[in-house]
Amino acid sequence: MQVMAEKLTDDTHDITYYAKDGRLTEPSDGKRYRWRDMIDRCKLLGRPLTEEEAEEFRVE
């Protein structure tokens, strides 16, 4: 009796296909925000902030 079926596909290419240069995130755009205040506003509204709403929390 065979307990596990043999895997027919090879998934080793997945990470190498998407991670071309080793970074796991996009480069920073240099913008800084007051994150705790943004999180509090999101909780209050019950939804993510729009781009315009997020700009209110931008640190110049």
N, C-alpha and C. Protein backbone atom coordinates (compact mmCIF):
# COMPACT_ATOMS: atom_id res chain seq x y z
N MET A 1 0.83 -1.17 0.00
CA MET A 1 0.00 0.00 0.00
C MET A 1 0.89 1.25 0.00
N GLN A 2 0.61 2.17 -0.90
CA GLN A 2 1.39 3.39 -1.02
C GLN A 2 0.74 4.48 -0.16
N VAL A 3 1.53 5.06 0.75
CA VAL A 3 0.99 6.05 1.67
C VAL A 3 0.86 7.42 1.00
N MET A 4 1.88 7.83 0.27
CA MET A 4 1.85 9.14 -0.39
C MET A 4 2.01 8.97 -1.89
N ALA A 5 1.26 9.74 -2.62
CA ALA A 5 1.40 9.71 -4.07
C ALA A 5 2.67 10.46 -4.45
N GLU A 6 3.29 10.04 -5.50
CA GLU A 6 4.51 10.68 -5.96
C GLU A 6 4.17 12.05 -6.56
N LYS A 7 4.96 13.05 -6.21
CA LYS A 7 4.71 14.40 -6.70
C LYS A 7 5.12 14.47 -8.17
N LEU A 8 4.20 14.94 -9.01
CA LEU A 8 4.45 14.94 -10.44
C LEU A 8 5.10 16.24 -10.93
N THR A 9 4.98 17.32 -10.18
CA THR A 9 5.55 18.60 -10.62
C THR A 9 6.72 18.99 -9.75
N ASP A 10 7.59 19.81 -10.30
CA ASP A 10 8.76 20.30 -9.58
C ASP A 10 8.57 21.78 -9.29
N ASP A 11 8.46 22.15 -8.01
CA ASP A 11 8.20 23.54 -7.63
C ASP A 11 9.48 24.31 -7.30
N THR A 12 10.63 23.77 -7.57
CA THR A 12 11.87 24.46 -7.22
C THR A 12 12.09 25.72 -8.03
N HIS A 13 11.44 25.87 -9.15
CA HIS A 13 11.62 27.05 -9.98
C HIS A 13 10.81 28.25 -9.50
N ASP A 14 9.84 28.07 -8.62
CA ASP A 14 8.94 29.15 -8.22
C ASP A 14 9.67 30.37 -7.67
N ILE A 15 10.49 30.19 -6.63
CA ILE A 15 11.15 31.34 -6.01
C ILE A 15 12.19 31.94 -6.96
N THR A 16 12.87 31.14 -7.71
CA THR A 16 13.88 31.68 -8.62
C THR A 16 13.24 32.42 -9.78
N TYR A 17 12.03 32.08 -10.13
CA TYR A 17 11.34 32.79 -11.20
C TYR A 17 10.94 34.20 -10.77
N TYR A 18 10.46 34.35 -9.53
CA TYR A 18 9.95 35.63 -9.06
C TYR A 18 11.01 36.51 -8.41
N ALA A 19 12.03 35.94 -7.83
CA ALA A 19 13.07 36.71 -7.13
C ALA A 19 14.30 36.80 -8.02
N LYS A 20 14.26 37.68 -8.98
CA LYS A 20 15.34 37.80 -9.96
C LYS A 20 16.64 38.30 -9.36
N ASP A 21 16.59 39.28 -8.44
CA ASP A 21 17.82 39.88 -7.92
C ASP A 21 18.02 39.69 -6.43
N GLY A 22 17.26 38.84 -5.79
CA GLY A 22 17.46 38.54 -4.37
C GLY A 22 16.65 39.40 -3.42
N ARG A 23 16.03 40.49 -3.89
CA ARG A 23 15.22 41.31 -2.99
C ARG A 23 13.88 40.64 -2.76
N LEU A 24 13.37 40.79 -1.54
CA LEU A 24 12.06 40.23 -1.22
C LEU A 24 10.98 41.30 -1.24
N THR A 25 11.36 42.58 -1.31
CA THR A 25 10.41 43.69 -1.36
C THR A 25 10.85 44.67 -2.43
N GLU A 26 9.97 45.59 -2.76
CA GLU A 26 10.30 46.65 -3.71
C GLU A 26 11.23 47.66 -3.05
N PRO A 27 12.05 48.34 -3.81
CA PRO A 27 12.89 49.39 -3.23
C PRO A 27 12.03 50.51 -2.63
N SER A 28 12.54 51.17 -1.62
CA SER A 28 11.81 52.24 -0.96
C SER A 28 11.67 53.43 -1.89
N ASP A 29 10.53 54.12 -1.81
CA ASP A 29 10.32 55.32 -2.61
C ASP A 29 10.76 56.57 -1.85
N GLY A 30 11.27 56.40 -0.63
CA GLY A 30 11.78 57.52 0.15
C GLY A 30 10.74 58.23 0.99
N LYS A 31 9.48 57.89 0.84
CA LYS A 31 8.43 58.54 1.62
C LYS A 31 8.40 57.93 3.02
N ARG A 32 8.15 58.80 4.02
CA ARG A 32 8.06 58.34 5.40
C ARG A 32 6.70 58.75 5.95
N TYR A 33 6.12 57.87 6.78
CA TYR A 33 4.78 58.11 7.33
C TYR A 33 4.76 57.87 8.83
N ARG A 34 3.79 58.46 9.51
CA ARG A 34 3.53 58.20 10.93
C ARG A 34 2.64 56.95 10.99
N TRP A 35 3.28 55.78 11.05
CA TRP A 35 2.58 54.51 10.91
C TRP A 35 1.57 54.23 12.00
N ARG A 36 1.91 54.52 13.24
CA ARG A 36 0.97 54.23 14.33
C ARG A 36 -0.33 55.03 14.16
N ASP A 37 -0.19 56.28 13.76
CA ASP A 37 -1.39 57.11 13.53
C ASP A 37 -2.20 56.56 12.36
N MET A 38 -1.52 56.09 11.32
CA MET A 38 -2.22 55.52 10.16
C MET A 38 -2.97 54.25 10.56
N ILE A 39 -2.34 53.43 11.37
CA ILE A 39 -2.98 52.18 11.81
C ILE A 39 -4.22 52.49 12.64
N ASP A 40 -4.09 53.47 13.54
CA ASP A 40 -5.25 53.87 14.35
C ASP A 40 -6.40 54.35 13.48
N ARG A 41 -6.10 55.14 12.44
CA ARG A 41 -7.14 55.64 11.54
C ARG A 41 -7.80 54.49 10.78
N CYS A 42 -7.00 53.52 10.34
CA CYS A 42 -7.54 52.35 9.63
C CYS A 42 -8.50 51.57 10.53
N LYS A 43 -8.12 51.40 11.78
CA LYS A 43 -8.98 50.68 12.72
C LYS A 43 -10.29 51.45 12.94
N LEU A 44 -10.18 52.77 13.03
CA LEU A 44 -11.37 53.60 13.24
C LEU A 44 -12.31 53.52 12.04
N LEU A 45 -11.74 53.58 10.83
CA LEU A 45 -12.56 53.54 9.61
C LEU A 45 -13.01 52.13 9.24
N GLY A 46 -12.22 51.13 9.64
CA GLY A 46 -12.55 49.75 9.28
C GLY A 46 -12.19 49.39 7.85
N ARG A 47 -11.26 50.15 7.27
CA ARG A 47 -10.84 49.89 5.89
C ARG A 47 -9.45 50.50 5.69
N PRO A 48 -8.76 50.11 4.61
CA PRO A 48 -7.46 50.73 4.31
C PRO A 48 -7.64 52.20 3.91
N LEU A 49 -6.60 52.98 4.11
CA LEU A 49 -6.65 54.39 3.74
C LEU A 49 -6.48 54.56 2.24
N THR A 50 -7.07 55.61 1.71
CA THR A 50 -6.84 55.96 0.31
C THR A 50 -5.49 56.68 0.21
N GLU A 51 -5.00 56.90 -0.99
CA GLU A 51 -3.74 57.61 -1.18
C GLU A 51 -3.82 59.02 -0.58
N GLU A 52 -4.95 59.69 -0.78
CA GLU A 52 -5.11 61.04 -0.26
C GLU A 52 -5.11 61.05 1.27
N GLU A 53 -5.79 60.08 1.88
CA GLU A 53 -5.82 59.99 3.34
C GLU A 53 -4.43 59.67 3.89
N ALA A 54 -3.69 58.84 3.22
CA ALA A 54 -2.35 58.47 3.67
C ALA A 54 -1.41 59.66 3.63
N GLU A 55 -1.59 60.55 2.67
CA GLU A 55 -0.72 61.73 2.55
C GLU A 55 -0.83 62.64 3.76
N GLU A 56 -1.95 62.58 4.49
CA GLU A 56 -2.10 63.38 5.71
C GLU A 56 -1.08 62.97 6.76
N PHE A 57 -0.59 61.75 6.71
CA PHE A 57 0.33 61.21 7.71
C PHE A 57 1.78 61.20 7.25
N ARG A 58 2.04 61.79 6.11
CA ARG A 58 3.39 61.79 5.56
C ARG A 58 4.29 62.73 6.34
N VAL A 59 5.51 62.27 6.64
CA VAL A 59 6.51 63.07 7.34
C VAL A 59 7.36 63.75 6.28
N GLU A 60 7.44 65.06 6.34
CA GLU A 60 8.23 65.81 5.34
C GLU A 60 9.67 65.91 5.76
